[in-house]
C-alpha atoms as a PDB file:
ATOM      1  CA  MET A   1       0.000   0.000   0.000  1.00  0.00           C
ATOM      2  CA  SER A   2       1.469   3.331  -0.984  1.00  0.00           C
ATOM      3  CA  GLU A   3       1.761   6.117   1.558  1.00  0.00           C
ATOM      4  CA  GLU A   4      -0.498   8.435  -0.469  1.00  0.00           C
ATOM      5  CA  LYS A   5      -3.492   6.076  -0.089  1.00  0.00           C
ATOM      6  CA  VAL A   6      -3.331   6.210   3.715  1.00  0.00           C
ATOM      7  CA  LYS A   7      -6.175   8.348   5.040  1.00  0.00           C
ATOM      8  CA  LYS A   8      -5.471   7.904   8.727  1.00  0.00           C
ATOM      9  CA  THR A   9      -2.920   6.305  11.008  1.00  0.00           C
ATOM     10  CA  SER A  10      -3.444   4.764  14.419  1.00  0.00           C
ATOM     11  CA  GLN A  11      -0.929   3.980  17.080  1.00  0.00           C
ATOM     12  CA  ILE A  12      -0.608   0.986  19.370  1.00  0.00           C
ATOM     13  CA  LYS A  13       2.085   1.295  22.022  1.00  0.00           C
ATOM     14  CA  VAL A  14       3.565  -1.248  24.379  1.00  0.00           C
ATOM     15  CA  ASN A  15       5.813  -0.036  27.181  1.00  0.00           C
ATOM     16  CA  VAL A  16       7.918  -2.727  28.813  1.00  0.00           C
ATOM     17  CA  GLY A  17       9.631  -2.160  32.144  1.00  0.00           C
ATOM     18  CA  THR A  18      12.546  -4.483  32.862  1.00  0.00           C
ATOM     19  CA  ASN A  19      14.632  -5.363  35.883  1.00  0.00           C
ATOM     20  CA  GLU A  20      18.427  -5.218  36.149  1.00  0.00           C
ATOM     21  CA  ASN A  21      18.666  -8.480  34.151  1.00  0.00           C
ATOM     22  CA  ASN A  22      16.519  -7.076  31.320  1.00  0.00           C
ATOM     23  CA  ILE A  23      13.626  -9.384  32.281  1.00  0.00           C
ATOM     24  CA  PRO A  24      10.172  -7.831  31.736  1.00  0.00           C
ATOM     25  CA  VAL A  25       8.499  -6.994  35.058  1.00  0.00           C
ATOM     26  CA  ARG A  26       5.692  -4.757  33.818  1.00  0.00           C
ATOM     27  CA  MET A  27       3.935  -4.169  30.528  1.00  0.00           C
ATOM     28  CA  MET A  28       1.500  -1.384  29.764  1.00  0.00           C
ATOM     29  CA  TRP A  29      -0.238  -0.924  26.435  1.00  0.00           C
ATOM     30  CA  SER A  30      -2.300   1.771  24.755  1.00  0.00           C
ATOM     31  CA  ALA A  31      -4.357   1.865  21.563  1.00  0.00           C
ATOM     32  CA  ASP A  32      -5.597   5.263  20.446  1.00  0.00           C
ATOM     33  CA  ASP A  33      -8.588   4.113  18.384  1.00  0.00           C
ATOM     34  CA  ALA A  34      -9.733   1.565  20.969  1.00  0.00           C
ATOM     35  CA  GLY A  35      -9.679   4.105  23.795  1.00  0.00           C
ATOM     36  CA  ILE A  36      -7.196   2.012  25.769  1.00  0.00           C
ATOM     37  CA  GLU A  37      -4.587   3.892  27.732  1.00  0.00           C
ATOM     38  CA  ASN A  38      -1.887   2.333  29.895  1.00  0.00           C
ATOM     39  CA  GLN A  39      -3.658  -0.973  30.448  1.00  0.00           C
ATOM     40  CA  GLU A  40      -1.539  -3.554  32.226  1.00  0.00           C
ATOM     41  CA  ALA A  41      -0.742  -6.868  30.542  1.00  0.00           C
ATOM     42  CA  LYS A  42       1.277  -9.866  31.635  1.00  0.00           C
ATOM     43  CA  ALA A  43       2.131 -11.312  28.220  1.00  0.00           C
ATOM     44  CA  MET A  44       2.049 -10.626  24.504  1.00  0.00           C
ATOM     45  CA  PHE A  45       2.637 -12.389  21.217  1.00  0.00           C
ATOM     46  CA  LEU A  46       3.310 -10.011  18.348  1.00  0.00           C
ATOM     47  CA  SER A  47       3.503 -11.405  14.819  1.00  0.00           C
ATOM     48  CA  LEU A  48       4.016  -9.249  11.759  1.00  0.00           C
ATOM     49  CA  TRP A  49       4.151 -10.450   8.165  1.00  0.00           C
ATOM     50  CA  ASP A  50       7.191  -9.269   6.210  1.00  0.00           C
ATOM     51  CA  ALA A  51       5.939  -9.462   2.617  1.00  0.00           C
ATOM     52  CA  LYS A  52       9.358  -8.603   1.204  1.00  0.00           C
ATOM     53  CA  ASP A  53      11.025 -11.664   2.764  1.00  0.00           C
ATOM     54  CA  ASN A  54       7.874 -13.829   3.033  1.00  0.00           C
ATOM     55  CA  ASN A  55       8.602 -14.339   6.685  1.00  0.00           C
ATOM     56  CA  THR A  56       7.052 -13.722  10.074  1.00  0.00           C
ATOM     57  CA  LEU A  57       8.640 -11.241  12.420  1.00  0.00           C
ATOM     58  CA  LYS A  58       7.723 -12.008  16.002  1.00  0.00           C
ATOM     59  CA  MET A  59       8.183 -10.924  19.550  1.00  0.00           C
ATOM     60  CA  ASP A  60       7.023 -12.906  22.576  1.00  0.00           C
ATOM     61  CA  LEU A  61       7.200 -11.274  25.989  1.00  0.00           C
ATOM     62  CA  TRP A  62       5.838 -12.100  29.404  1.00  0.00           C
ATOM     63  CA  VAL A  63       6.428 -10.596  32.814  1.00  0.00           C
ATOM     64  CA  GLU A  64       8.411 -12.408  35.449  1.00  0.00           C
ATOM     65  CA  GLU A  65       5.402 -12.864  37.745  1.00  0.00           C
ATOM     66  CA  MET A  66       3.198 -14.590  35.145  1.00  0.00           C
ATOM     67  CA  SER A  67       2.327 -18.032  36.449  1.00  0.00           C
ATOM     68  CA  VAL A  68       2.560 -21.247  34.461  1.00  0.00           C
ATOM     69  CA  GLU A  69      -1.219 -21.624  34.801  1.00  0.00           C
ATOM     70  CA  GLU A  70      -1.755 -18.164  33.316  1.00  0.00           C
ATOM     71  CA  MET A  71       0.628 -19.007  30.438  1.00  0.00           C
ATOM     72  CA  LYS A  72      -1.303 -22.204  29.703  1.00  0.00           C
ATOM     73  CA  GLN A  73      -4.542 -20.204  29.482  1.00  0.00           C
ATOM     74  CA  PHE A  74      -2.883 -17.488  27.395  1.00  0.00           C
ATOM     75  CA  VAL A  75      -1.505 -19.939  24.833  1.00  0.00           C
ATOM     76  CA  HIS A  76      -4.797 -21.860  24.672  1.00  0.00           C
ATOM     77  CA  GLN A  77      -6.856 -18.718  24.096  1.00  0.00           C
ATOM     78  CA  THR A  78      -4.346 -17.432  21.538  1.00  0.00           C
ATOM     79  CA  LEU A  79      -4.541 -20.669  19.553  1.00  0.00           C
ATOM     80  CA  LEU A  80      -8.353 -20.423  19.524  1.00  0.00           C
ATOM     81  CA  THR A  81      -8.110 -16.829  18.330  1.00  0.00           C
ATOM     82  CA  ILE A  82      -5.730 -17.869  15.554  1.00  0.00           C
ATOM     83  CA  ALA A  83      -8.282 -20.441  14.371  1.00  0.00           C
ATOM     84  CA  ASP A  84     -11.019 -17.777  14.335  1.00  0.00           C
ATOM     85  CA  THR A  85      -8.835 -15.225  12.545  1.00  0.00           C
ATOM     86  CA  PHE A  86      -7.592 -17.697   9.946  1.00  0.00           C
ATOM     87  CA  GLU A  87     -11.126 -18.890   9.218  1.00  0.00           C
ATOM     88  CA  LYS A  88     -12.414 -15.330   8.860  1.00  0.00           C
ATOM     89  CA  ALA A  89      -9.532 -14.379   6.545  1.00  0.00           C
ATOM     90  CA  THR A  90      -9.509 -17.500   4.371  1.00  0.00           C
ATOM     91  CA  GLY A  91     -12.811 -19.346   4.767  1.00  0.00           C
ATOM     92  CA  GLU A  92     -10.836 -22.539   5.498  1.00  0.00           C
ATOM     93  CA  THR A  93     -13.437 -23.970   7.885  1.00  0.00           C
ATOM     94  CA  ASN A  94     -12.269 -27.595   7.926  1.00  0.00           C
ATOM     95  CA  ILE A  95      -8.678 -26.936   8.942  1.00  0.00           C
ATOM     96  CA  CYS A  96      -9.845 -24.369  11.497  1.00  0.00           C
ATOM     97  CA  GLU A  97     -12.113 -26.984  13.056  1.00  0.00           C
ATOM     98  CA  ASP A  98      -9.062 -29.271  13.220  1.00  0.00           C
ATOM     99  CA  LEU A  99      -7.144 -26.530  15.015  1.00  0.00           C
ATOM    100  CA  ARG A 100     -10.022 -26.044  17.456  1.00  0.00           C
ATOM    101  CA  ASP A 101     -10.006 -29.804  18.083  1.00  0.00           C
ATOM    102  CA  TYR A 102      -6.303 -29.539  18.854  1.00  0.00           C
ATOM    103  CA  CYS A 103      -7.045 -26.635  21.206  1.00  0.00           C
ATOM    104  CA  TYR A 104      -9.430 -28.889  23.113  1.00  0.00           C
ATOM    105  CA  HIS A 105      -6.706 -31.562  23.262  1.00  0.00           C
ATOM    106  CA  PHE A 106      -4.198 -28.933  24.455  1.00  0.00           C
ATOM    107  CA  ALA A 107      -6.566 -27.737  27.190  1.00  0.00           C
ATOM    108  CA  GLU A 108      -7.233 -31.303  28.257  1.00  0.00           C
ATOM    109  CA  LYS A 109      -3.497 -32.137  28.457  1.00  0.00           C
ATOM    110  CA  MET A 110      -2.754 -28.892  30.308  1.00  0.00           C
ATOM    111  CA  GLU A 111      -5.656 -29.606  32.673  1.00  0.00           C
ATOM    112  CA  ILE A 112      -7.261 -26.229  32.050  1.00  0.00           C
ATOM    113  CA  LEU A 113     -10.700 -27.353  30.887  1.00  0.00           C
ATOM    114  CA  PRO A 114     -13.537 -25.760  32.858  1.00  0.00           C
ATOM    115  CA  GLU A 115     -15.089 -28.148  35.322  1.00  0.00           C
END
């Protein structure tokens, strides 16, 4: 997309506070258009598609205090969201149902299914 076609820009910011060992201890994020300002988060997965190199650029961060149980939930919910997003973008319902089945298997193995 050329710069001249852009009618508006929006900004999403993530501020990461680290300790003396450069380990994240606090994350705050803001999104202008969503009306979110300095909301705390414990983890993030950021994936960007680099069309020039046909490759994914990624950044995974989580704060030191995030528990293993919280990480299990975070990964499970992220995988479900990926299935939803991929289905919406491509219409590939069958493979997305397979991914959702795997998400159920993941939740079962991680013992995070609701009782």
